[in-house]
């Protein structure tokens, strides 16, 4: 795999795990979540697929209503998969996440 094909969320996930923390982030006062959304946006022009998650690896909820306009503005046409990691029983949590994804796709789709 060359460096151009990457999941839109992988850089953000690394940041939230603390793998790429730096003094610059503390100095600017940016929260890990704010940096995660900026990193998602920065990777979208290169992404061919994305793993949609409902929570970051640090347990914070992902604001999918904030993420979807990023995909729309980037004219993202790649694949998406759902990764359910919530606290709710997967038999009820997964269908809710999938429905949320479908709703957001309909809302922001230009096709």
C-alpha atoms as a PDB file:
ATOM      1  CA  UNK A   1       0.000   0.000   0.000  1.00  0.00           C
ATOM      2  CA  UNK A   2       1.418   3.360  -0.923  1.00  0.00           C
ATOM      3  CA  UNK A   3       1.003   6.427   1.269  1.00  0.00           C
ATOM      4  CA  UNK A   4      -1.870   7.810  -0.789  1.00  0.00           C
ATOM      5  CA  UNK A   5      -4.437   5.194   0.213  1.00  0.00           C
ATOM      6  CA  UNK A   6      -5.400   5.613   3.811  1.00  0.00           C
ATOM      7  CA  UNK A   7      -8.463   5.527   5.950  1.00  0.00           C
ATOM      8  CA  UNK A   8      -9.744   9.001   6.760  1.00  0.00           C
ATOM      9  CA  UNK A   9      -9.884   8.220  10.445  1.00  0.00           C
ATOM     10  CA  UNK A  10      -6.516   6.550  10.967  1.00  0.00           C
ATOM     11  CA  UNK A  11      -4.514   9.712  11.641  1.00  0.00           C
ATOM     12  CA  UNK A  12      -7.177  10.969  14.012  1.00  0.00           C
ATOM     13  CA  UNK A  13      -7.272   7.642  15.837  1.00  0.00           C
ATOM     14  CA  UNK A  14      -3.512   7.697  16.271  1.00  0.00           C
ATOM     15  CA  UNK A  15      -3.731  11.183  17.747  1.00  0.00           C
ATOM     16  CA  UNK A  16      -6.373  10.130  20.247  1.00  0.00           C
ATOM     17  CA  UNK A  17      -4.310   7.116  21.315  1.00  0.00           C
ATOM     18  CA  UNK A  18      -1.478   9.551  22.006  1.00  0.00           C
ATOM     19  CA  UNK A  19       0.818   8.106  19.355  1.00  0.00           C
ATOM     20  CA  UNK A  20       1.518  11.416  17.704  1.00  0.00           C
ATOM     21  CA  UNK A  21       1.215  13.920  20.509  1.00  0.00           C
ATOM     22  CA  UNK A  22       3.473  16.939  20.464  1.00  0.00           C
ATOM     23  CA  UNK A  23       4.225  20.072  22.460  1.00  0.00           C
ATOM     24  CA  UNK A  24       2.681  22.097  19.666  1.00  0.00           C
ATOM     25  CA  UNK A  25      -0.787  20.788  20.486  1.00  0.00           C
ATOM     26  CA  UNK A  26      -0.481  21.713  24.143  1.00  0.00           C
ATOM     27  CA  UNK A  27       0.928  25.102  23.225  1.00  0.00           C
ATOM     28  CA  UNK A  28      -1.970  25.922  20.894  1.00  0.00           C
ATOM     29  CA  UNK A  29      -4.612  24.692  23.302  1.00  0.00           C
ATOM     30  CA  UNK A  30      -6.217  22.431  20.671  1.00  0.00           C
ATOM     31  CA  UNK A  31      -8.128  19.546  22.168  1.00  0.00           C
ATOM     32  CA  UNK A  32      -7.455  16.013  20.894  1.00  0.00           C
ATOM     33  CA  UNK A  33     -10.994  15.931  19.459  1.00  0.00           C
ATOM     34  CA  UNK A  34     -10.540  19.210  17.564  1.00  0.00           C
ATOM     35  CA  UNK A  35      -7.275  17.905  16.141  1.00  0.00           C
ATOM     36  CA  UNK A  36      -8.990  14.653  15.192  1.00  0.00           C
ATOM     37  CA  UNK A  37     -11.597  16.462  13.104  1.00  0.00           C
ATOM     38  CA  UNK A  38      -8.897  18.577  11.436  1.00  0.00           C
ATOM     39  CA  UNK A  39      -6.910  15.435  10.669  1.00  0.00           C
ATOM     40  CA  UNK A  40      -9.947  13.701   9.205  1.00  0.00           C
ATOM     41  CA  UNK A  41     -10.518  16.702   6.959  1.00  0.00           C
ATOM     42  CA  UNK A  42      -6.844  16.787   5.914  1.00  0.00           C
ATOM     43  CA  UNK A  43      -6.821  13.106   4.901  1.00  0.00           C
ATOM     44  CA  UNK A  44     -10.062  13.096   2.915  1.00  0.00           C
ATOM     45  CA  UNK A  45      -8.517  14.130  -0.431  1.00  0.00           C
ATOM     46  CA  UNK A  46      -6.359  10.987  -0.256  1.00  0.00           C
ATOM     47  CA  UNK A  47      -8.789   8.517   1.313  1.00  0.00           C
ATOM     48  CA  UNK A  48     -10.271   5.652  -0.672  1.00  0.00           C
ATOM     49  CA  UNK A  49     -12.195   4.197   2.256  1.00  0.00           C
ATOM     50  CA  UNK A  50     -13.277   5.226   5.725  1.00  0.00           C
ATOM     51  CA  UNK A  51     -14.167   3.406   8.909  1.00  0.00           C
ATOM     52  CA  UNK A  52     -17.066   5.202  10.530  1.00  0.00           C
ATOM     53  CA  UNK A  53     -16.916   4.896  14.288  1.00  0.00           C
ATOM     54  CA  UNK A  54     -19.288   6.138  16.923  1.00  0.00           C
ATOM     55  CA  UNK A  55     -16.573   6.725  19.542  1.00  0.00           C
ATOM     56  CA  UNK A  56     -12.925   7.724  19.417  1.00  0.00           C
ATOM     57  CA  UNK A  57     -10.436   5.317  20.939  1.00  0.00           C
ATOM     58  CA  UNK A  58     -10.339   7.458  24.078  1.00  0.00           C
ATOM     59  CA  UNK A  59     -14.082   6.841  24.605  1.00  0.00           C
ATOM     60  CA  UNK A  60     -15.274  10.286  23.495  1.00  0.00           C
ATOM     61  CA  UNK A  61     -18.279  10.291  21.178  1.00  0.00           C
ATOM     62  CA  UNK A  62     -17.622  11.098  17.524  1.00  0.00           C
ATOM     63  CA  UNK A  63     -19.858  13.918  16.312  1.00  0.00           C
ATOM     64  CA  UNK A  64     -20.945  12.353  13.020  1.00  0.00           C
ATOM     65  CA  UNK A  65     -23.017  15.447  12.238  1.00  0.00           C
ATOM     66  CA  UNK A  66     -19.719  17.340  12.272  1.00  0.00           C
ATOM     67  CA  UNK A  67     -17.845  14.707  10.254  1.00  0.00           C
ATOM     68  CA  UNK A  68     -20.317  14.247   7.397  1.00  0.00           C
ATOM     69  CA  UNK A  69     -20.053  17.798   6.031  1.00  0.00           C
ATOM     70  CA  UNK A  70     -16.291  17.248   5.844  1.00  0.00           C
ATOM     71  CA  UNK A  71     -16.898  14.264   3.556  1.00  0.00           C
ATOM     72  CA  UNK A  72     -19.403  16.273   1.493  1.00  0.00           C
ATOM     73  CA  UNK A  73     -17.075  19.275   1.046  1.00  0.00           C
ATOM     74  CA  UNK A  74     -14.234  16.939   0.030  1.00  0.00           C
ATOM     75  CA  UNK A  75     -16.521  15.324  -2.564  1.00  0.00           C
ATOM     76  CA  UNK A  76     -15.663  11.946  -1.009  1.00  0.00           C
ATOM     77  CA  UNK A  77     -16.709   9.018  -3.219  1.00  0.00           C
ATOM     78  CA  UNK A  78     -14.960   6.152  -1.426  1.00  0.00           C
ATOM     79  CA  UNK A  79     -16.251   3.228   0.564  1.00  0.00           C
ATOM     80  CA  UNK A  80     -17.410   3.420   4.167  1.00  0.00           C
ATOM     81  CA  UNK A  81     -17.618   0.713   6.761  1.00  0.00           C
ATOM     82  CA  UNK A  82     -19.154   0.928  10.215  1.00  0.00           C
ATOM     83  CA  UNK A  83     -17.124   0.053  13.302  1.00  0.00           C
ATOM     84  CA  UNK A  84     -19.372  -0.158  16.330  1.00  0.00           C
ATOM     85  CA  UNK A  85     -17.543   0.275  19.614  1.00  0.00           C
ATOM     86  CA  UNK A  86     -20.269   1.731  21.796  1.00  0.00           C
ATOM     87  CA  UNK A  87     -21.356   0.619  25.240  1.00  0.00           C
ATOM     88  CA  UNK A  88     -24.818  -0.472  24.098  1.00  0.00           C
ATOM     89  CA  UNK A  89     -25.468  -4.104  23.180  1.00  0.00           C
ATOM     90  CA  UNK A  90     -24.322  -4.521  19.548  1.00  0.00           C
ATOM     91  CA  UNK A  91     -27.628  -6.145  18.578  1.00  0.00           C
ATOM     92  CA  UNK A  92     -29.298  -2.762  19.117  1.00  0.00           C
ATOM     93  CA  UNK A  93     -26.308  -0.401  18.801  1.00  0.00           C
ATOM     94  CA  UNK A  94     -25.162  -1.512  15.344  1.00  0.00           C
ATOM     95  CA  UNK A  95     -28.563  -0.995  13.668  1.00  0.00           C
ATOM     96  CA  UNK A  96     -28.744   2.490  15.241  1.00  0.00           C
ATOM     97  CA  UNK A  97     -25.281   3.378  13.911  1.00  0.00           C
ATOM     98  CA  UNK A  98     -26.130   2.052  10.434  1.00  0.00           C
ATOM     99  CA  UNK A  99     -29.377   4.043  10.399  1.00  0.00           C
ATOM    100  CA  UNK A 100     -27.474   7.181  11.452  1.00  0.00           C
ATOM    101  CA  UNK A 101     -25.012   6.614   8.607  1.00  0.00           C
ATOM    102  CA  UNK A 102     -27.839   6.139   6.096  1.00  0.00           C
ATOM    103  CA  UNK A 103     -29.556   9.303   7.322  1.00  0.00           C
ATOM    104  CA  UNK A 104     -26.355  11.333   7.015  1.00  0.00           C
ATOM    105  CA  UNK A 105     -25.655   9.919   3.537  1.00  0.00           C
ATOM    106  CA  UNK A 106     -29.119  10.959   2.382  1.00  0.00           C
ATOM    107  CA  UNK A 107     -28.740  14.399   3.980  1.00  0.00           C
ATOM    108  CA  UNK A 108     -25.350  15.184   2.459  1.00  0.00           C
ATOM    109  CA  UNK A 109     -25.415  13.179  -0.781  1.00  0.00           C
ATOM    110  CA  UNK A 110     -25.356  15.134  -4.032  1.00  0.00           C
ATOM    111  CA  UNK A 111     -26.111  12.006  -6.064  1.00  0.00           C
END
